[in-house]
Amino acid sequence: MRVSTSMVFAQGLSNLQQQQSAMLQSQQEIATGVKLTNPAQDPVAFSTASDLSVLSSKQSQYSKNIDNATGKLQVQESTLGSITTMLQSVRDVAIQANNAAQNGTSLAALSDQLDQLQKALAGQMNATDERGEYLFSGTAAREKPYDASGVLNPAVGSAGTVKLAISDQQSVGINQPAGQIFQLSSSATTGGNASILQVIDQLKSAITTQPANLQTVYENAQKDIDAVMNQVTDARGSMGNALNTLSTAKNDNAAQNVLTQQTLSGLRDTDVASAITKLNQSYLNLQATQQSMVKIQSLSLFNYIR
């Protein structure tokens, strides 16, 4: 095959361009910290890295959901703890009032105590979080659970429990609706659906008016208080289980995310030591090619004639 001067120069120029391109690629990888930027470099690796990036985003969202759910449940569980203490105090007042030794003055004091407990309970049952959402309104988080008369808001009554996904296969319930905790479907005191706040209203009225069926009112009120306390206890137990689930999920998600990031880094991120070595090699190759081109340029028939 006959090799012309133009072919030699074309090949030399191509080599120069390749070495310069390799140098620029290495410099870019070192500067950005990323070696895989487009599918043409490695289609399989690029596709795998894209899938891992999506997985990493999901894991990050799950982590946020876990932290969010944990915070909400801790506040709700603490609030229910306070409510339990108040309900126990209401029950104690009902027992004290059901005593023949009580007189008008002491009964008035007990009625006032019940009034204060009722207001405190209403405040806790209608409590909000830092975002202004009610703790016990379920999916109707912006709706106040109870009005001034202790009547359940219909929107909250038909609301469900908020669910937050904490993995691909698992979710936890937060913000349980008030109707499932503080409401009685068949109150012994009122004879129908009523909240614990309405039961306390009936108890206050009985202490003040001393009706003929006073003994029955006291007994029924205690039954209703016990029933609501059991519902509160069940809700707290459910929240405790959910918090344990969240703790486990947080650890699992963190471990999975570390593995995802390590694999993604291996595919996408620059190995600085290797990139520097490649850069130096490309530089040496470029110098050698340039020197070869200089020598080739100096070769011609006239040089031999001289």
Protein backbone atom coordinates (compact mmCIF):
# COMPACT_ATOMS: atom_id res chain seq x y z
CA MET A 1 0.00 0.00 0.00
CA ARG A 2 1.34 3.39 -0.96
CA VAL A 3 1.43 5.86 1.96
CA SER A 4 1.25 9.47 0.93
CA THR A 5 2.43 12.47 2.94
CA SER A 6 -1.15 13.65 3.39
CA MET A 7 -2.11 10.30 4.92
CA VAL A 8 0.74 10.51 7.39
CA PHE A 9 -0.24 14.01 8.43
CA ALA A 10 -3.94 13.05 8.66
CA GLN A 11 -3.10 10.13 10.92
CA GLY A 12 -0.87 12.31 13.07
CA LEU A 13 -3.56 14.96 13.37
CA SER A 14 -6.11 12.31 14.36
CA ASN A 15 -3.76 11.04 17.08
CA LEU A 16 -3.28 14.56 18.41
CA GLN A 17 -7.02 15.13 18.57
CA GLN A 18 -7.57 11.82 20.37
CA GLN A 19 -4.97 12.61 23.01
CA GLN A 20 -6.36 16.12 23.52
CA SER A 21 -9.87 14.73 23.83
CA ALA A 22 -8.69 12.16 26.38
CA MET A 23 -6.97 14.90 28.37
CA LEU A 24 -10.08 17.11 28.35
CA GLN A 25 -12.23 14.14 29.44
CA SER A 26 -9.92 13.37 32.36
CA GLN A 27 -9.77 17.04 33.37
CA GLN A 28 -13.58 17.28 33.31
CA GLU A 29 -13.95 14.12 35.39
CA ILE A 30 -11.51 15.46 37.98
CA ALA A 31 -13.15 18.91 38.08
CA THR A 32 -16.79 17.70 38.32
CA GLY A 33 -16.24 14.48 40.24
CA VAL A 34 -18.49 12.68 37.73
CA LYS A 35 -17.20 10.23 35.14
CA LEU A 36 -20.53 9.00 33.72
CA THR A 37 -22.45 11.84 32.06
CA ASN A 38 -24.17 10.33 29.03
CA PRO A 39 -25.38 6.94 27.75
CA ALA A 40 -22.79 6.81 24.96
CA GLN A 41 -19.98 6.32 27.51
CA ASP A 42 -21.47 3.09 28.88
CA PRO A 43 -25.16 2.37 28.10
CA VAL A 44 -25.54 -0.40 30.68
CA ALA A 45 -23.82 1.52 33.48
CA PHE A 46 -25.75 4.70 32.64
CA SER A 47 -29.09 2.86 32.75
CA THR A 48 -28.18 1.22 36.07
CA ALA A 49 -27.07 4.57 37.52
CA SER A 50 -30.35 6.19 36.41
CA ASP A 51 -32.35 3.45 38.16
CA LEU A 52 -30.25 3.85 41.30
CA SER A 53 -30.80 7.62 41.25
CA VAL A 54 -34.57 7.06 41.20
CA LEU A 55 -34.22 4.55 44.06
CA SER A 56 -32.12 7.02 46.04
CA SER A 57 -34.80 9.71 45.64
CA LYS A 58 -37.45 7.29 46.90
CA GLN A 59 -35.31 6.34 49.88
CA SER A 60 -34.78 10.01 50.67
CA GLN A 61 -38.56 10.61 50.58
CA TYR A 62 -39.15 7.58 52.80
CA SER A 63 -36.63 8.98 55.26
CA LYS A 64 -38.52 12.28 55.37
CA ASN A 65 -41.82 10.43 55.82
CA ILE A 66 -40.36 8.38 58.68
CA ASP A 67 -39.10 11.49 60.48
CA ASN A 68 -42.39 13.30 59.87
CA ALA A 69 -44.48 10.38 61.11
CA THR A 70 -42.25 9.89 64.14
CA GLY A 71 -42.58 13.53 65.16
CA LYS A 72 -46.36 13.56 64.74
CA LEU A 73 -46.91 10.31 66.61
CA GLN A 74 -44.68 11.38 69.49
CA VAL A 75 -46.70 14.59 69.91
CA GLN A 76 -50.01 12.73 69.63
CA GLU A 77 -48.95 10.04 72.08
CA SER A 78 -47.76 12.64 74.58
CA THR A 79 -51.04 14.54 74.23
CA LEU A 80 -53.03 11.36 74.85
CA GLY A 81 -50.92 10.80 77.96
CA SER A 82 -52.04 14.19 79.29
CA ILE A 83 -55.64 13.40 78.36
CA THR A 84 -55.44 10.10 80.25
CA THR A 85 -54.36 11.98 83.40
CA MET A 86 -57.25 14.44 83.00
CA LEU A 87 -59.79 11.65 82.47
CA GLN A 88 -58.58 9.96 85.63
CA SER A 89 -59.15 13.24 87.49
CA VAL A 90 -62.67 13.49 86.04
CA ARG A 91 -63.36 9.95 87.23
CA ASP A 92 -62.08 10.82 90.70
CA VAL A 93 -64.44 13.82 90.83
CA ALA A 94 -67.38 11.60 89.85
CA ILE A 95 -66.52 9.20 92.68
CA GLN A 96 -66.14 12.04 95.21
CA ALA A 97 -69.45 13.60 94.16
CA ASN A 98 -71.19 10.27 94.72
CA ASN A 99 -70.84 10.62 98.48
CA ALA A 100 -73.68 11.48 100.83
CA ALA A 101 -71.30 13.49 103.02
CA GLN A 102 -70.94 16.16 100.33
CA ASN A 103 -72.74 19.47 100.91
CA GLY A 104 -73.66 22.37 98.66
CA THR A 105 -70.30 24.09 99.03
CA SER A 106 -68.18 21.01 98.33
CA LEU A 107 -70.40 19.99 95.40
CA ALA A 108 -70.03 23.47 93.90
CA ALA A 109 -66.24 23.13 94.21
CA LEU A 110 -66.36 19.73 92.49
CA SER A 111 -68.51 21.19 89.71
CA ASP A 112 -65.99 23.99 89.22
CA GLN A 113 -63.18 21.45 89.13
CA LEU A 114 -65.03 19.49 86.45
CA ASP A 115 -65.50 22.68 84.45
CA GLN A 116 -61.76 23.36 84.50
CA LEU A 117 -60.95 19.77 83.54
CA GLN A 118 -63.47 19.90 80.71
CA LYS A 119 -61.89 23.03 79.26
CA ALA A 120 -58.42 21.53 79.54
CA LEU A 121 -59.61 18.33 77.85
CA ALA A 122 -61.23 20.28 75.03
CA GLY A 123 -57.96 22.14 74.51
CA GLN A 124 -56.00 18.90 74.24
CA MET A 125 -58.59 17.18 72.04
CA ASN A 126 -58.51 20.20 69.71
CA ALA A 127 -54.74 20.61 69.87
CA THR A 128 -52.75 21.52 66.75
CA ASP A 129 -49.19 20.87 65.59
CA GLU A 130 -46.56 23.34 64.40
CA ARG A 131 -48.23 23.49 60.97
CA GLY A 132 -51.61 24.40 62.43
CA GLU A 133 -53.09 20.98 61.66
CA TYR A 134 -55.28 19.35 64.32
CA LEU A 135 -53.71 16.33 65.98
CA PHE A 136 -56.92 14.29 66.00
CA SER A 137 -58.74 15.22 62.80
CA GLY A 138 -57.42 12.45 60.55
CA THR A 139 -57.60 13.22 56.85
CA ALA A 140 -59.61 16.37 57.68
CA ALA A 141 -56.53 17.86 59.35
CA ARG A 142 -57.66 21.48 58.96
CA GLU A 143 -61.04 20.85 60.60
CA LYS A 144 -61.46 21.46 64.35
CA PRO A 145 -62.66 18.21 65.97
CA TYR A 146 -65.05 19.59 68.62
CA ASP A 147 -67.10 22.75 68.98
CA ALA A 148 -67.75 24.65 72.24
CA SER A 149 -70.60 22.25 73.11
CA GLY A 150 -68.42 19.18 72.72
CA VAL A 151 -70.15 18.11 69.49
CA LEU A 152 -67.98 16.24 66.99
CA ASN A 153 -67.38 18.01 63.67
CA PRO A 154 -69.12 15.90 60.95
CA ALA A 155 -66.10 16.36 58.65
CA VAL A 156 -63.86 14.83 61.30
CA GLY A 157 -66.45 12.17 62.09
CA SER A 158 -66.23 10.86 58.51
CA ALA A 159 -62.45 11.31 58.22
CA GLY A 160 -60.00 8.45 58.00
CA THR A 161 -56.53 7.94 59.43
CA VAL A 162 -53.67 9.57 57.51
CA LYS A 163 -51.26 7.02 56.00
CA LEU A 164 -47.60 7.71 55.24
CA ALA A 165 -45.50 5.34 53.11
CA ILE A 166 -42.21 4.39 54.79
CA SER A 167 -41.10 1.77 52.23
CA ASP A 168 -42.35 0.21 49.01
CA GLN A 169 -44.39 -2.32 50.97
CA GLN A 170 -45.18 -0.53 54.25
CA SER A 171 -47.03 2.50 55.57
CA VAL A 172 -48.02 3.75 59.03
CA GLY A 173 -51.13 5.51 60.27
CA ILE A 174 -50.85 8.95 61.85
CA ASN A 175 -53.41 11.55 62.93
CA GLN A 176 -56.14 9.14 64.07
CA PRO A 177 -59.58 10.85 63.97
CA ALA A 178 -61.04 12.05 67.27
CA GLY A 179 -64.25 10.07 66.76
CA GLN A 180 -62.31 6.81 67.16
CA ILE A 181 -60.79 7.93 70.46
CA PHE A 182 -63.05 10.35 72.37
CA GLN A 183 -66.48 9.41 71.04
CA LEU A 184 -68.98 6.90 72.45
CA SER A 185 -71.33 5.28 69.95
CA SER A 186 -73.72 4.39 72.76
CA SER A 187 -73.15 6.54 75.83
CA ALA A 188 -74.55 5.18 79.11
CA THR A 189 -74.97 8.78 80.30
CA THR A 190 -76.66 10.39 77.30
CA GLY A 191 -78.25 7.30 75.78
CA GLY A 192 -76.75 7.87 72.32
CA ASN A 193 -73.67 8.95 70.40
CA ALA A 194 -71.73 11.42 72.52
CA SER A 195 -68.26 12.73 73.21
CA ILE A 196 -66.58 12.58 76.58
CA LEU A 197 -67.03 16.37 76.75
CA GLN A 198 -70.82 15.91 76.54
CA VAL A 199 -70.67 13.23 79.23
CA ILE A 200 -68.88 15.70 81.51
CA ASP A 201 -71.63 18.26 80.78
CA GLN A 202 -74.23 15.79 82.04
CA LEU A 203 -72.13 15.01 85.09
CA LYS A 204 -71.73 18.72 85.95
CA SER A 205 -75.46 19.26 85.57
CA ALA A 206 -76.26 16.34 87.88
CA ILE A 207 -73.86 17.61 90.56
CA THR A 208 -75.51 21.04 90.41
CA THR A 209 -79.19 20.03 90.17
CA GLN A 210 -79.10 16.79 92.19
CA PRO A 211 -81.82 14.97 90.16
CA ALA A 212 -83.76 11.99 91.49
CA ASN A 213 -81.68 9.58 89.38
CA LEU A 214 -78.41 11.10 90.60
CA GLN A 215 -76.93 7.72 91.59
CA THR A 216 -77.56 6.34 88.10
CA VAL A 217 -75.98 9.39 86.46
CA TYR A 218 -72.84 8.96 88.53
CA GLU A 219 -72.57 5.26 87.71
CA ASN A 220 -73.22 5.78 83.99
CA ALA A 221 -70.70 8.63 83.83
CA GLN A 222 -68.04 6.41 85.36
CA LYS A 223 -68.82 3.71 82.77
CA ASP A 224 -68.45 6.22 79.94
CA ILE A 225 -65.23 7.64 81.37
CA ASP A 226 -63.77 4.13 81.69
CA ALA A 227 -64.80 3.32 78.11
CA VAL A 228 -63.11 6.43 76.72
CA MET A 229 -60.00 5.81 78.83
CA ASN A 230 -59.80 2.33 77.29
CA GLN A 231 -60.08 3.83 73.81
CA VAL A 232 -57.34 6.31 74.62
CA THR A 233 -55.16 3.48 75.95
CA ASP A 234 -55.74 1.47 72.77
CA ALA A 235 -54.83 4.49 70.64
CA ARG A 236 -51.64 5.06 72.62
CA GLY A 237 -50.73 1.39 72.26
CA SER A 238 -51.25 1.59 68.51
CA MET A 239 -49.04 4.68 68.37
CA GLY A 240 -46.36 2.94 70.42
CA ASN A 241 -46.34 0.01 67.97
CA ALA A 242 -46.14 2.44 65.06
CA LEU A 243 -43.18 4.24 66.67
CA ASN A 244 -41.36 0.91 67.03
CA THR A 245 -42.09 0.15 63.37
CA LEU A 246 -40.76 3.57 62.38
CA SER A 247 -37.57 3.07 64.37
CA THR A 248 -36.88 -0.22 62.58
CA ALA A 249 -37.79 1.27 59.20
CA LYS A 250 -35.45 4.22 59.78
CA ASN A 251 -32.49 1.91 60.40
CA ASP A 252 -33.36 -0.34 57.43
CA ASN A 253 -33.85 2.60 55.07
CA ALA A 254 -30.57 4.19 56.18
CA ALA A 255 -28.68 0.93 55.57
CA GLN A 256 -30.27 0.46 52.14
CA ASN A 257 -29.49 4.06 51.22
CA VAL A 258 -25.82 3.62 52.11
CA LEU A 259 -25.65 0.57 49.80
CA THR A 260 -27.44 2.47 47.03
CA GLN A 261 -25.09 5.44 47.32
CA GLN A 262 -22.01 3.21 47.32
CA THR A 263 -23.14 1.37 44.19
CA LEU A 264 -24.16 4.60 42.46
CA SER A 265 -20.85 6.23 43.36
CA GLY A 266 -18.93 3.31 41.88
CA LEU A 267 -20.78 3.72 38.59
CA ARG A 268 -20.99 7.48 38.34
CA ASP A 269 -18.34 9.19 40.44
CA THR A 270 -14.77 9.85 39.39
CA ASP A 271 -11.94 7.71 40.74
CA VAL A 272 -9.59 10.67 41.17
CA ALA A 273 -6.39 8.63 41.38
CA SER A 274 -7.26 6.72 38.20
CA ALA A 275 -8.33 9.91 36.41
CA ILE A 276 -5.07 11.66 37.28
CA THR A 277 -3.10 8.67 36.04
CA LYS A 278 -5.06 8.70 32.76
CA LEU A 279 -4.52 12.46 32.45
CA ASN A 280 -0.77 12.11 32.88
CA GLN A 281 -0.68 9.24 30.40
CA SER A 282 -2.67 11.26 27.85
CA TYR A 283 -0.28 14.18 28.34
CA LEU A 284 2.76 11.98 27.73
CA ASN A 285 1.12 10.46 24.66
CA LEU A 286 0.30 13.93 23.37
CA GLN A 287 3.91 15.04 23.80
CA ALA A 288 5.16 11.94 22.01
CA THR A 289 2.75 12.46 19.14
CA GLN A 290 3.76 16.11 18.81
CA GLN A 291 7.45 15.19 18.74
CA SER A 292 6.78 12.53 16.11
CA MET A 293 4.91 15.05 13.96
CA VAL A 294 7.84 17.49 14.18
CA LYS A 295 10.25 14.82 12.97
CA ILE A 296 7.92 13.73 10.18
CA GLN A 297 7.54 17.32 9.02
CA SER A 298 11.34 17.65 8.72
CA LEU A 299 11.61 14.61 6.46
CA SER A 300 11.49 15.28 2.71
CA LEU A 301 13.35 14.35 -0.51
CA PHE A 302 15.13 17.75 -0.51
CA ASN A 303 16.72 16.89 2.86
CA TYR A 304 18.27 13.81 1.31
CA ILE A 305 19.45 15.77 -1.77
CA ARG A 306 21.32 18.16 0.49
